C-alpha cells in the first residue's frame, strides 16, 4: 500500500486548513465562493465507491458537517456538495456555500467566469477565518 499524496493540482489551487478523521480540508483560492474541498487521506482513491463502506459513511458525514457549518456560519442560500473529478482524478468532494446573486447564481460554479485568486495575504486571512468557522485546528 502506498502512502497518501495530495494531487499537485489540488495543492496548487488550495490552502490546507485542517484535518478531519478521514479527510484533509482544503480552501480553494477562488475568492468568488466560500469553497472547501475534502480529500480522503487514503492512497489511490478515485471514486467514492473505491472507499470502504465505513470510509464512505465517514466522508458523507464530514461533508454534511462542513456544509452545515458553512450554511449556518455564513448564512448561505444553498450548499453545493459535489464529487466530479474529471480534471483531477484523485477522490475529492467540493463543499461550496452559494448565495442568491453570487458570481455563478443560479448555475453551477464550474466554467462560470474566470477564477479570482486571492492574494497570498487574503488567502491566509480567509484560511484562518474558515478554520475558526469550521472548528478546525
Protein backbone atom coordinates (compact mmCIF):
# COMPACT_ATOMS: atom_id res chain seq x y z
CA UNK A 1 0.00 0.00 0.00
CA UNK A 2 1.36 3.39 -0.96
CA UNK A 3 1.24 6.50 1.19
CA UNK A 4 -1.32 9.22 0.59
CA UNK A 5 -0.06 12.03 -1.69
CA UNK A 6 -2.18 15.09 -2.48
CA UNK A 7 -2.62 15.67 -6.21
CA UNK A 8 -0.36 18.59 -7.27
CA UNK A 9 -3.27 20.42 -8.94
CA UNK A 10 -5.29 20.35 -5.72
CA UNK A 11 -2.23 21.50 -3.82
CA UNK A 12 -1.65 24.40 -6.24
CA UNK A 13 -5.28 25.60 -6.19
CA UNK A 14 -5.88 25.38 -2.43
CA UNK A 15 -4.57 26.00 1.06
CA UNK A 16 -4.80 23.29 3.68
CA UNK A 17 -6.91 24.48 6.60
CA UNK A 18 -7.23 21.34 8.69
CA UNK A 19 -7.85 17.66 9.01
CA UNK A 20 -10.87 15.61 9.95
CA UNK A 21 -10.94 11.94 10.91
CA UNK A 22 -10.82 10.87 7.25
CA UNK A 23 -10.22 13.94 5.14
CA UNK A 24 -7.77 16.72 4.57
CA UNK A 25 -9.69 20.02 4.44
CA UNK A 26 -8.59 22.50 1.77
CA UNK A 27 -9.70 26.06 0.99
CA UNK A 28 -9.98 26.88 -2.70
CA UNK A 29 -8.13 30.04 -3.74
CA UNK A 30 -11.04 31.38 -5.84
CA UNK A 31 -12.34 34.40 -3.90
CA UNK A 32 -15.74 34.33 -5.63
CA UNK A 33 -17.05 31.50 -3.46
CA UNK A 34 -16.59 30.13 0.09
CA UNK A 35 -15.34 26.79 -1.19
CA UNK A 36 -13.72 23.94 0.68
CA UNK A 37 -12.57 20.60 -0.62
CA UNK A 38 -12.41 17.37 1.36
CA UNK A 39 -9.80 14.83 0.27
CA UNK A 40 -9.95 11.44 1.97
CA UNK A 41 -6.42 10.64 3.10
CA UNK A 42 -6.42 7.21 1.52
CA UNK A 43 -3.98 6.39 -1.26
CA UNK A 44 -5.09 5.66 -4.80
CA UNK A 45 -8.76 6.61 -4.36
CA UNK A 46 -10.59 7.82 -7.46
CA UNK A 47 -14.28 7.05 -6.95
CA UNK A 48 -16.39 7.21 -3.81
CA UNK A 49 -17.08 3.51 -4.20
CA UNK A 50 -13.32 2.85 -4.00
CA UNK A 51 -13.56 3.68 -0.29
CA UNK A 52 -14.56 1.08 2.28
CA UNK A 53 -18.17 1.23 3.40
CA UNK A 54 -17.10 2.81 6.71
CA UNK A 55 -14.97 5.43 4.94
CA UNK A 56 -17.85 6.26 2.55
CA UNK A 57 -20.12 6.87 5.53
CA UNK A 58 -17.44 8.98 7.21
CA UNK A 59 -16.87 11.07 4.06
CA UNK A 60 -20.60 11.80 3.79
CA UNK A 61 -20.74 12.71 7.49
CA UNK A 62 -17.75 15.04 7.10
CA UNK A 63 -19.23 16.72 4.02
CA UNK A 64 -22.55 17.22 5.80
CA UNK A 65 -20.86 18.59 8.93
CA UNK A 66 -18.77 21.06 6.93
CA UNK A 67 -21.79 22.04 4.82
CA UNK A 68 -23.88 22.69 7.92
CA UNK A 69 -21.16 24.87 9.44
CA UNK A 70 -20.78 26.85 6.20
CA UNK A 71 -24.53 27.35 5.82
CA UNK A 72 -25.12 28.33 9.43
CA UNK A 73 -21.95 30.38 9.81
CA UNK A 74 -22.24 32.32 6.55
CA UNK A 75 -26.00 32.41 6.08
CA UNK A 76 -25.67 30.72 2.69
CA UNK A 77 -28.71 30.32 0.45
CA UNK A 78 -27.60 26.82 -0.58
CA UNK A 79 -24.70 24.43 -0.05
CA UNK A 80 -23.44 22.55 -3.10
CA UNK A 81 -21.73 19.23 -2.34
CA UNK A 82 -20.19 17.62 -5.41
CA UNK A 83 -17.79 14.88 -6.44
CA UNK A 84 -16.68 15.37 -10.04
CA UNK A 85 -13.04 14.53 -10.56
CA UNK A 86 -12.95 14.94 -14.32
CA UNK A 87 -9.84 17.15 -14.31
CA UNK A 88 -8.32 15.81 -11.06
CA UNK A 89 -8.88 12.08 -10.70
CA UNK A 90 -7.94 11.92 -7.01
CA UNK A 91 -11.09 11.46 -4.94
CA UNK A 92 -12.21 14.79 -3.51
CA UNK A 93 -15.50 16.40 -2.56
CA UNK A 94 -16.35 20.08 -3.09
CA UNK A 95 -18.43 21.83 -0.43
CA UNK A 96 -19.41 25.28 -1.68
CA UNK A 97 -21.52 27.94 0.00
CA UNK A 98 -23.79 29.61 -2.55
CA UNK A 99 -25.65 32.87 -2.28
CA UNK A 100 -28.53 34.29 -4.29
CA UNK A 101 -26.78 36.63 -6.73
CA UNK A 102 -23.25 35.22 -6.39
CA UNK A 103 -20.93 35.16 -9.42
CA UNK A 104 -22.49 31.98 -10.85
CA UNK A 105 -26.00 32.03 -9.35
CA UNK A 106 -28.16 30.08 -10.02
CA UNK A 107 -25.93 27.94 -12.24
CA UNK A 108 -23.05 25.68 -11.26
CA UNK A 109 -19.70 27.23 -10.32
CA UNK A 110 -17.75 25.24 -12.91
CA UNK A 111 -16.99 27.06 -16.14
CA UNK A 112 -18.74 30.15 -14.85
CA UNK A 113 -16.47 33.13 -15.39
CA UNK A 114 -12.82 33.30 -14.50
CA UNK A 115 -11.50 32.34 -11.08
CA UNK A 116 -10.46 35.34 -8.99
CA UNK A 117 -7.49 34.17 -6.93
CA UNK A 118 -6.98 35.79 -3.56
CA UNK A 119 -3.67 37.47 -2.83
CA UNK A 120 -1.44 35.40 -0.54
CA UNK A 121 -2.29 37.67 2.42
CA UNK A 122 -6.02 37.47 1.68
CA UNK A 123 -5.81 33.67 1.32
CA UNK A 124 -4.02 33.42 4.66
CA UNK A 125 -6.69 35.58 6.34
CA UNK A 126 -9.53 33.61 4.73
CA UNK A 127 -7.90 30.32 5.75
CA UNK A 128 -7.78 31.47 9.38
CA UNK A 129 -11.40 32.64 9.25
CA UNK A 130 -12.50 29.31 7.75
CA UNK A 131 -10.54 27.31 10.34
CA UNK A 132 -12.40 29.17 13.06
CA UNK A 133 -15.81 28.91 11.35
CA UNK A 134 -15.39 25.18 10.70
CA UNK A 135 -13.87 24.41 14.11
CA UNK A 136 -10.62 23.05 12.68
CA UNK A 137 -7.21 23.02 14.34
